[in-house]
Amino acid sequence: MRTDWHTHAFHPKIAHKVLAQLHAHYGILPVGTGLPEDLLFRLRRAGIDKAAVHTAATTPDQVVPANNWSMFIQTKHPGLIAFGTLHPGFAGWEKELVRLEAAGIRGLKFHPDFQGFRLDDPALHPLFEVIGDRFALMFHVGDRLPPDLNPSSPAKLAKIRRDFPKLTIIAAHFGGYLHWDQALDVLAGTDVYLDTSSSLPFMPRDLLRGLLRKHPRERLLFGSDYPLFDPLDEIRLLETTAGMREEEIEAVLRNEVFET
């Protein structure tokens, strides 16, 4: 099945606010409404069968409501694979992991830059130790600050991989938005999954070619980052910008994280 591994869909009460915040932060006008129904329409138009939907609690008190939303959309829309969220300041994280597992949630999203923590904070270590191989972890990586100063970076994630080898790690944005040179050095060629989201229009072509040469294709995941971008447009960029052949694009679209 073809999968978009990096999307977002919001509750109708907050969708318009989130789209405005995304526009303000990234300077990119989002597509569509940000609602699950619009995401599913765009997936069908692109010939994609399913999508992982991510959320990130920016405060501890958002963890439970955000996860309730994830559970709801996964139950209501079989084509959506909801990832849960945790926050380092949330005291009940062990019980929340059990609750997520019981609801059939198989992944977690971490966005250090939006959630207000550093990826190299030792306070995360007990969490990663307990998670082990129970969930796949999607990490936002990179931003405008240099890697050493930014809350997330490819090198910080590479250390987590070394220290916690049981983790299944997905590094968004080809391993690090605007940190692609470091991603090429420390993540490419490893068993970390890299997704293609929010990268292709912005990457220097030499770094893009280097990442595609070095990283195993079975560890490359398609991601559109809807509602920032449309899945169909992002598939086309794999051909026009990344120079991938039709059969290569098809293989990436069919790469799988979870064992059936």
C-alpha atoms as a PDB file:
ATOM      1  CA  MET A   1       0.000   0.000   0.000  1.00  0.00           C
ATOM      2  CA  ARG A   2       1.112   3.560  -0.673  1.00  0.00           C
ATOM      3  CA  THR A   3       1.613   5.654   2.449  1.00  0.00           C
ATOM      4  CA  ASP A   4       2.167   9.300   3.302  1.00  0.00           C
ATOM      5  CA  TRP A   5       4.127   9.087   6.557  1.00  0.00           C
ATOM      6  CA  HIS A   6       3.998  12.761   7.527  1.00  0.00           C
ATOM      7  CA  THR A   7       0.682  14.592   7.718  1.00  0.00           C
ATOM      8  CA  HIS A   8      -1.366  16.571  10.211  1.00  0.00           C
ATOM      9  CA  ALA A   9      -5.120  16.919  10.660  1.00  0.00           C
ATOM     10  CA  PHE A  10      -6.815  19.094  13.242  1.00  0.00           C
ATOM     11  CA  HIS A  11     -10.043  19.336  15.177  1.00  0.00           C
ATOM     12  CA  PRO A  12     -12.539  21.662  13.464  1.00  0.00           C
ATOM     13  CA  LYS A  13     -12.497  24.014  16.461  1.00  0.00           C
ATOM     14  CA  ILE A  14      -8.779  24.775  16.107  1.00  0.00           C
ATOM     15  CA  ALA A  15      -7.905  24.005  12.476  1.00  0.00           C
ATOM     16  CA  HIS A  16      -8.088  27.610  11.248  1.00  0.00           C
ATOM     17  CA  LYS A  17      -5.941  28.827  14.147  1.00  0.00           C
ATOM     18  CA  VAL A  18      -3.286  26.189  13.526  1.00  0.00           C
ATOM     19  CA  LEU A  19      -3.143  27.017   9.817  1.00  0.00           C
ATOM     20  CA  ALA A  20      -2.614  30.677  10.673  1.00  0.00           C
ATOM     21  CA  GLN A  21       0.175  29.760  13.108  1.00  0.00           C
ATOM     22  CA  LEU A  22       1.885  27.578  10.517  1.00  0.00           C
ATOM     23  CA  HIS A  23       1.689  30.373   7.961  1.00  0.00           C
ATOM     24  CA  ALA A  24       3.168  32.840  10.437  1.00  0.00           C
ATOM     25  CA  HIS A  25       6.003  30.532  11.517  1.00  0.00           C
ATOM     26  CA  TYR A  26       7.081  29.104   8.162  1.00  0.00           C
ATOM     27  CA  GLY A  27       5.907  31.780   5.746  1.00  0.00           C
ATOM     28  CA  ILE A  28       4.121  29.076   3.737  1.00  0.00           C
ATOM     29  CA  LEU A  29       0.420  29.346   2.920  1.00  0.00           C
ATOM     30  CA  PRO A  30      -1.106  25.959   3.834  1.00  0.00           C
ATOM     31  CA  VAL A  31      -3.256  24.059   1.372  1.00  0.00           C
ATOM     32  CA  GLY A  32      -6.795  22.961   2.105  1.00  0.00           C
ATOM     33  CA  THR A  33      -8.596  23.112   5.431  1.00  0.00           C
ATOM     34  CA  GLY A  34      -6.388  20.984   7.676  1.00  0.00           C
ATOM     35  CA  LEU A  35      -9.351  18.725   8.472  1.00  0.00           C
ATOM     36  CA  PRO A  36      -9.228  14.909   8.207  1.00  0.00           C
ATOM     37  CA  GLU A  37     -11.791  14.887   5.401  1.00  0.00           C
ATOM     38  CA  ASP A  38      -9.697  17.238   3.271  1.00  0.00           C
ATOM     39  CA  LEU A  39      -6.565  15.191   3.934  1.00  0.00           C
ATOM     40  CA  LEU A  40      -8.353  12.011   2.841  1.00  0.00           C
ATOM     41  CA  PHE A  41      -9.602  13.725  -0.331  1.00  0.00           C
ATOM     42  CA  ARG A  42      -6.063  14.793  -1.249  1.00  0.00           C
ATOM     43  CA  LEU A  43      -4.665  11.349  -0.478  1.00  0.00           C
ATOM     44  CA  ARG A  44      -7.218   9.727  -2.803  1.00  0.00           C
ATOM     45  CA  ARG A  45      -6.400  12.240  -5.526  1.00  0.00           C
ATOM     46  CA  ALA A  46      -2.721  11.349  -5.202  1.00  0.00           C
ATOM     47  CA  GLY A  47      -3.414   7.610  -5.267  1.00  0.00           C
ATOM     48  CA  ILE A  48      -2.247   7.143  -1.671  1.00  0.00           C
ATOM     49  CA  ASP A  49      -3.940   4.498   0.454  1.00  0.00           C
ATOM     50  CA  LYS A  50      -3.127   5.627   3.993  1.00  0.00           C
ATOM     51  CA  ALA A  51      -1.382   8.346   5.965  1.00  0.00           C
ATOM     52  CA  ALA A  52       0.282   8.778   9.325  1.00  0.00           C
ATOM     53  CA  VAL A  53      -1.216  11.755  11.177  1.00  0.00           C
ATOM     54  CA  HIS A  54       0.916  13.531  13.759  1.00  0.00           C
ATOM     55  CA  THR A  55       0.230  15.803  16.693  1.00  0.00           C
ATOM     56  CA  ALA A  56       2.542  17.349  19.289  1.00  0.00           C
ATOM     57  CA  ALA A  57       1.449  18.557  22.729  1.00  0.00           C
ATOM     58  CA  THR A  58       3.128  21.910  23.354  1.00  0.00           C
ATOM     59  CA  THR A  59       2.305  21.781  27.093  1.00  0.00           C
ATOM     60  CA  PRO A  60       1.872  18.845  29.501  1.00  0.00           C
ATOM     61  CA  ASP A  61      -1.855  19.478  29.902  1.00  0.00           C
ATOM     62  CA  GLN A  62      -2.363  19.033  26.147  1.00  0.00           C
ATOM     63  CA  VAL A  63      -1.098  15.435  26.136  1.00  0.00           C
ATOM     64  CA  VAL A  64      -4.336  13.653  27.020  1.00  0.00           C
ATOM     65  CA  PRO A  65      -6.668  15.780  24.816  1.00  0.00           C
ATOM     66  CA  ALA A  66      -4.254  15.511  21.885  1.00  0.00           C
ATOM     67  CA  ASN A  67      -4.072  11.753  22.266  1.00  0.00           C
ATOM     68  CA  ASN A  68      -7.846  11.556  22.553  1.00  0.00           C
ATOM     69  CA  TRP A  69      -8.023  13.280  19.171  1.00  0.00           C
ATOM     70  CA  SER A  70      -5.499  10.830  17.714  1.00  0.00           C
ATOM     71  CA  MET A  71      -7.526   7.886  18.965  1.00  0.00           C
ATOM     72  CA  PHE A  72     -10.724   9.397  17.580  1.00  0.00           C
ATOM     73  CA  ILE A  73      -9.461   9.995  14.052  1.00  0.00           C
ATOM     74  CA  GLN A  74      -7.843   6.564  13.841  1.00  0.00           C
ATOM     75  CA  THR A  75     -11.123   4.942  14.863  1.00  0.00           C
ATOM     76  CA  LYS A  76     -13.265   7.085  12.564  1.00  0.00           C
ATOM     77  CA  HIS A  77     -10.982   6.981   9.527  1.00  0.00           C
ATOM     78  CA  PRO A  78      -9.401   3.564   8.854  1.00  0.00           C
ATOM     79  CA  GLY A  79      -7.083   5.123   6.268  1.00  0.00           C
ATOM     80  CA  LEU A  80      -5.378   7.254   8.911  1.00  0.00           C
ATOM     81  CA  ILE A  81      -2.608   5.958  11.175  1.00  0.00           C
ATOM     82  CA  ALA A  82      -2.572   8.227  14.207  1.00  0.00           C
ATOM     83  CA  PHE A  83       0.637   8.865  16.121  1.00  0.00           C
ATOM     84  CA  GLY A  84       0.313   9.897  19.749  1.00  0.00           C
ATOM     85  CA  THR A  85       2.205  12.577  21.627  1.00  0.00           C
ATOM     86  CA  LEU A  86       4.023  12.972  24.928  1.00  0.00           C
ATOM     87  CA  HIS A  87       5.652  15.921  26.666  1.00  0.00           C
ATOM     88  CA  PRO A  88       8.703  15.755  28.962  1.00  0.00           C
ATOM     89  CA  GLY A  89       6.760  17.669  31.620  1.00  0.00           C
ATOM     90  CA  PHE A  90       3.854  15.213  31.641  1.00  0.00           C
ATOM     91  CA  ALA A  91       4.139  13.151  34.827  1.00  0.00           C
ATOM     92  CA  GLY A  92       1.845  10.302  33.822  1.00  0.00           C
ATOM     93  CA  TRP A  93       3.681   9.272  30.686  1.00  0.00           C
ATOM     94  CA  GLU A  94       4.047   5.570  31.585  1.00  0.00           C
ATOM     95  CA  LYS A  95       0.289   5.155  32.046  1.00  0.00           C
ATOM     96  CA  GLU A  96      -0.313   7.170  28.880  1.00  0.00           C
ATOM     97  CA  LEU A  97       1.880   4.787  26.901  1.00  0.00           C
ATOM     98  CA  VAL A  98      -0.256   1.893  28.108  1.00  0.00           C
ATOM     99  CA  ARG A  99      -3.438   3.795  27.188  1.00  0.00           C
ATOM    100  CA  LEU A 100      -2.110   4.499  23.709  1.00  0.00           C
ATOM    101  CA  GLU A 101      -1.125   0.878  23.185  1.00  0.00           C
ATOM    102  CA  ALA A 102      -4.564  -0.300  24.270  1.00  0.00           C
ATOM    103  CA  ALA A 103      -6.116   2.020  21.671  1.00  0.00           C
ATOM    104  CA  GLY A 104      -3.949   0.612  18.885  1.00  0.00           C
ATOM    105  CA  ILE A 105      -1.644   3.631  18.587  1.00  0.00           C
ATOM    106  CA  ARG A 106       1.752   2.445  17.331  1.00  0.00           C
ATOM    107  CA  GLY A 107       3.745   5.655  16.983  1.00  0.00           C
ATOM    108  CA  LEU A 108       4.670   8.859  18.816  1.00  0.00           C
ATOM    109  CA  LYS A 109       5.620  12.292  17.489  1.00  0.00           C
ATOM    110  CA  PHE A 110       8.220  14.553  19.111  1.00  0.00           C
ATOM    111  CA  HIS A 111       8.690  18.169  18.004  1.00  0.00           C
ATOM    112  CA  PRO A 112      11.378  19.650  20.296  1.00  0.00           C
ATOM    113  CA  ASP A 113      11.234  23.058  18.628  1.00  0.00           C
ATOM    114  CA  PHE A 114       7.496  23.483  19.210  1.00  0.00           C
ATOM    115  CA  GLN A 115       7.294  21.511  22.455  1.00  0.00           C
ATOM    116  CA  GLY A 116      10.006  23.517  24.185  1.00  0.00           C
ATOM    117  CA  PHE A 117      12.687  20.962  24.997  1.00  0.00           C
ATOM    118  CA  ARG A 118      16.110  20.006  23.677  1.00  0.00           C
ATOM    119  CA  LEU A 119      16.638  16.658  22.053  1.00  0.00           C
ATOM    120  CA  ASP A 120      19.830  16.165  24.064  1.00  0.00           C
ATOM    121  CA  ASP A 121      18.090  16.660  27.427  1.00  0.00           C
ATOM    122  CA  PRO A 122      18.992  13.688  29.693  1.00  0.00           C
ATOM    123  CA  ALA A 123      15.487  13.921  31.179  1.00  0.00           C
ATOM    124  CA  LEU A 124      14.270  12.155  28.018  1.00  0.00           C
ATOM    125  CA  HIS A 125      16.386   9.060  28.651  1.00  0.00           C
ATOM    126  CA  PRO A 126      13.973   7.222  30.999  1.00  0.00           C
ATOM    127  CA  LEU A 127      11.204   7.782  28.462  1.00  0.00           C
ATOM    128  CA  PHE A 128      13.234   6.352  25.585  1.00  0.00           C
ATOM    129  CA  GLU A 129      14.323   3.410  27.719  1.00  0.00           C
ATOM    130  CA  VAL A 130      10.722   2.466  28.503  1.00  0.00           C
ATOM    131  CA  ILE A 131       9.499   3.034  24.935  1.00  0.00           C
ATOM    132  CA  GLY A 132      12.087   0.662  23.468  1.00  0.00           C
ATOM    133  CA  ASP A 133      10.502  -1.128  20.524  1.00  0.00           C
ATOM    134  CA  ARG A 134       6.907  -0.505  21.613  1.00  0.00           C
ATOM    135  CA  PHE A 135       6.342   2.526  19.358  1.00  0.00           C
ATOM    136  CA  ALA A 136       7.878   4.066  16.250  1.00  0.00           C
ATOM    137  CA  LEU A 137       9.099   7.587  16.982  1.00  0.00           C
ATOM    138  CA  MET A 138       8.750  10.434  14.500  1.00  0.00           C
ATOM    139  CA  PHE A 139      11.091  13.335  15.295  1.00  0.00           C
ATOM    140  CA  HIS A 140      10.933  16.794  13.824  1.00  0.00           C
ATOM    141  CA  VAL A 141      14.565  17.671  13.158  1.00  0.00           C
ATOM    142  CA  GLY A 142      16.141  21.001  12.214  1.00  0.00           C
ATOM    143  CA  ASP A 143      15.167  24.639  11.790  1.00  0.00           C
ATOM    144  CA  ARG A 144      16.713  28.045  11.195  1.00  0.00           C
ATOM    145  CA  LEU A 145      19.174  28.025  14.114  1.00  0.00           C
ATOM    146  CA  PRO A 146      22.550  26.288  13.629  1.00  0.00           C
ATOM    147  CA  PRO A 147      22.529  22.625  14.683  1.00  0.00           C
ATOM    148  CA  ASP A 148      24.384  23.174  17.966  1.00  0.00           C
ATOM    149  CA  LEU A 149      21.971  25.910  19.057  1.00  0.00           C
ATOM    150  CA  ASN A 150      18.735  24.448  17.737  1.00  0.00           C
ATOM    151  CA  PRO A 151      16.612  22.283  20.070  1.00  0.00           C
ATOM    152  CA  SER A 152      16.754  19.475  17.501  1.00  0.00           C
ATOM    153  CA  SER A 153      19.530  18.489  15.118  1.00  0.00           C
ATOM    154  CA  PRO A 154      20.725  15.406  13.230  1.00  0.00           C
ATOM    155  CA  ALA A 155      23.678  14.943  15.594  1.00  0.00           C
ATOM    156  CA  LYS A 156      21.432  14.995  18.661  1.00  0.00           C
ATOM    157  CA  LEU A 157      19.185  12.384  17.080  1.00  0.00           C
ATOM    158  CA  ALA A 158      22.162  10.258  16.029  1.00  0.00           C
ATOM    159  CA  LYS A 159      23.274  10.110  19.660  1.00  0.00           C
ATOM    160  CA  ILE A 160      19.793   8.960  20.728  1.00  0.00           C
ATOM    161  CA  ARG A 161      20.042   6.204  18.117  1.00  0.00           C
ATOM    162  CA  ARG A 162      23.411   5.088  19.501  1.00  0.00           C
ATOM    163  CA  ASP A 163      22.289   5.225  23.131  1.00  0.00           C
ATOM    164  CA  PHE A 164      18.898   3.559  22.579  1.00  0.00           C
ATOM    165  CA  PRO A 165      19.344   1.017  19.770  1.00  0.00           C
ATOM    166  CA  LYS A 166      15.918  -0.586  20.299  1.00  0.00           C
ATOM    167  CA  LEU A 167      14.117   2.568  19.146  1.00  0.00           C
ATOM    168  CA  THR A 168      12.511   2.746  15.724  1.00  0.00           C
ATOM    169  CA  ILE A 169      13.371   6.286  14.627  1.00  0.00           C
ATOM    170  CA  ILE A 170      11.948   8.387  11.802  1.00  0.00           C
ATOM    171  CA  ALA A 171      13.797  11.647  11.156  1.00  0.00           C
ATOM    172  CA  ALA A 172      11.538  14.129   9.411  1.00  0.00           C
ATOM    173  CA  HIS A 173      12.591  16.514   6.651  1.00  0.00           C
ATOM    174  CA  PHE A 174      15.353  14.330   5.156  1.00  0.00           C
ATOM    175  CA  GLY A 175      16.956  14.109   8.589  1.00  0.00           C
ATOM    176  CA  GLY A 176      17.030  17.805   9.455  1.00  0.00           C
ATOM    177  CA  TYR A 177      15.370  20.847   7.903  1.00  0.00           C
ATOM    178  CA  LEU A 178      18.185  23.258   6.922  1.00  0.00           C
ATOM    179  CA  HIS A 179      20.621  20.855   8.651  1.00  0.00           C
ATOM    180  CA  TRP A 180      20.973  18.567   5.638  1.00  0.00           C
ATOM    181  CA  ASP A 181      24.771  18.652   5.569  1.00  0.00           C
ATOM    182  CA  GLN A 182      24.865  17.273   9.113  1.00  0.00           C
ATOM    183  CA  ALA A 183      22.137  14.751   8.266  1.00  0.00           C
ATOM    184  CA  LEU A 184      24.299  13.511   5.400  1.00  0.00           C
ATOM    185  CA  ASP A 185      27.220  13.039   7.795  1.00  0.00           C
ATOM    186  CA  VAL A 186      25.521  11.371  10.779  1.00  0.00           C
ATOM    187  CA  LEU A 187      22.137   9.911   9.732  1.00  0.00           C
ATOM    188  CA  ALA A 188      22.405   8.928   6.078  1.00  0.00           C
ATOM    189  CA  GLY A 189      23.421   5.309   5.676  1.00  0.00           C
ATOM    190  CA  THR A 190      22.097   4.259   9.090  1.00  0.00           C
ATOM    191  CA  ASP A 191      18.950   2.337  10.017  1.00  0.00           C
ATOM    192  CA  VAL A 192      17.085   5.571  10.813  1.00  0.00           C
ATOM    193  CA  TYR A 193      14.141   6.243   8.513  1.00  0.00           C
ATOM    194  CA  LEU A 194      14.270   9.602   6.723  1.00  0.00           C
ATOM    195  CA  ASP A 195      11.096  11.177   5.379  1.00  0.00           C
ATOM    196  CA  THR A 196      10.886  13.516   2.405  1.00  0.00           C
ATOM    197  CA  SER A 197       8.575  16.116   3.953  1.00  0.00           C
ATOM    198  CA  SER A 198       9.082  19.890   3.666  1.00  0.00           C
ATOM    199  CA  SER A 199      12.472  19.508   2.034  1.00  0.00           C
ATOM    200  CA  LEU A 200      12.528  19.034  -1.720  1.00  0.00           C
ATOM    201  CA  PRO A 201      11.860  22.673  -2.733  1.00  0.00           C
ATOM    202  CA  PHE A 202      14.512  23.950  -0.329  1.00  0.00           C
ATOM    203  CA  MET A 203      17.431  21.506  -0.393  1.00  0.00           C
ATOM    204  CA  PRO A 204      20.679  22.248  -2.229  1.00  0.00           C
ATOM    205  CA  ARG A 205      20.809  19.753  -5.077  1.00  0.00           C
ATOM    206  CA  ASP A 206      24.244  18.402  -4.124  1.00  0.00           C
ATOM    207  CA  LEU A 207      23.016  17.526  -0.635  1.00  0.00           C
ATOM    208  CA  LEU A 208      19.839  15.963  -2.010  1.00  0.00           C
ATOM    209  CA  ARG A 209      21.829  13.790  -4.410  1.00  0.00           C
ATOM    210  CA  GLY A 210      24.259  12.863  -1.643  1.00  0.00           C
ATOM    211  CA  LEU A 211      21.491  11.812   0.734  1.00  0.00           C
ATOM    212  CA  LEU A 212      19.751   9.761  -1.953  1.00  0.00           C
ATOM    213  CA  ARG A 213      23.012   8.003  -2.854  1.00  0.00           C
ATOM    214  CA  LYS A 214      24.036   7.251   0.724  1.00  0.00           C
ATOM    215  CA  HIS A 215      20.774   6.335   2.424  1.00  0.00           C
ATOM    216  CA  PRO A 216      19.111   2.931   1.896  1.00  0.00           C
ATOM    217  CA  ARG A 217      16.023   3.373  -0.253  1.00  0.00           C
ATOM    218  CA  GLU A 218      14.057   0.992   1.967  1.00  0.00           C
ATOM    219  CA  ARG A 219      14.639   3.502   4.789  1.00  0.00           C
ATOM    220  CA  LEU A 220      13.280   6.468   2.825  1.00  0.00           C
ATOM    221  CA  LEU A 221       9.641   7.362   3.529  1.00  0.00           C
ATOM    222  CA  PHE A 222       7.355   9.623   1.555  1.00  0.00           C
ATOM    223  CA  GLY A 223       5.952  12.515   3.558  1.00  0.00           C
ATOM    224  CA  SER A 224       3.959  15.507   2.327  1.00  0.00           C
ATOM    225  CA  ASP A 225       3.632  17.491   5.580  1.00  0.00           C
ATOM    226  CA  TYR A 226      -0.008  18.228   4.720  1.00  0.00           C
ATOM    227  CA  PRO A 227      -1.477  20.834   5.245  1.00  0.00           C
ATOM    228  CA  LEU A 228       1.727  22.716   4.432  1.00  0.00           C
ATOM    229  CA  PHE A 229       1.920  20.888   1.106  1.00  0.00           C
ATOM    230  CA  ASP A 230      -0.305  18.715  -1.072  1.00  0.00           C
ATOM    231  CA  PRO A 231       0.591  15.007  -1.387  1.00  0.00           C
ATOM    232  CA  LEU A 232       0.186  14.955  -5.175  1.00  0.00           C
ATOM    233  CA  ASP A 233       2.505  17.937  -5.605  1.00  0.00           C
ATOM    234  CA  GLU A 234       5.100  16.304  -3.354  1.00  0.00           C
ATOM    235  CA  ILE A 235       5.009  13.067  -5.357  1.00  0.00           C
ATOM    236  CA  ARG A 236       5.661  15.068  -8.517  1.00  0.00           C
ATOM    237  CA  LEU A 237       8.673  16.713  -6.850  1.00  0.00           C
ATOM    238  CA  LEU A 238      10.248  13.292  -6.324  1.00  0.00           C
ATOM    239  CA  GLU A 239      10.456  13.102 -10.116  1.00  0.00           C
ATOM    240  CA  THR A 240      11.114  16.705 -11.098  1.00  0.00           C
ATOM    241  CA  THR A 241      13.416  17.721  -8.244  1.00  0.00           C
ATOM    242  CA  ALA A 242      14.863  14.481  -6.867  1.00  0.00           C
ATOM    243  CA  GLY A 243      15.152  12.944 -10.344  1.00  0.00           C
ATOM    244  CA  MET A 244      13.650   9.639  -9.251  1.00  0.00           C
ATOM    245  CA  ARG A 245      12.286   7.199 -11.806  1.00  0.00           C
ATOM    246  CA  GLU A 246       8.676   6.005 -11.628  1.00  0.00           C
ATOM    247  CA  GLU A 247       9.636   2.636 -10.157  1.00  0.00           C
ATOM    248  CA  GLU A 248      11.843   4.319  -7.538  1.00  0.00           C
ATOM    249  CA  ILE A 249       9.017   6.624  -6.488  1.00  0.00           C
ATOM    250  CA  GLU A 250       6.654   3.669  -6.258  1.00  0.00           C
ATOM    251  CA  ALA A 251       9.104   1.810  -4.019  1.00  0.00           C
ATOM    252  CA  VAL A 252       9.428   4.784  -1.666  1.00  0.00           C
ATOM    253  CA  LEU A 253       5.648   5.178  -1.495  1.00  0.00           C
ATOM    254  CA  ARG A 254       5.346   1.516  -0.514  1.00  0.00           C
ATOM    255  CA  ASN A 255       8.025   1.489   2.183  1.00  0.00           C
ATOM    256  CA  GLU A 256       6.627   0.343   5.518  1.00  0.00           C
ATOM    257  CA  VAL A 257       7.540   1.090   9.138  1.00  0.00           C
ATOM    258  CA  PHE A 258       5.222  -1.256  10.990  1.00  0.00           C
ATOM    259  CA  GLU A 259       5.207  -5.009  10.681  1.00  0.00           C
ATOM    260  CA  THR A 260       1.741  -6.190   9.734  1.00  0.00           C
END
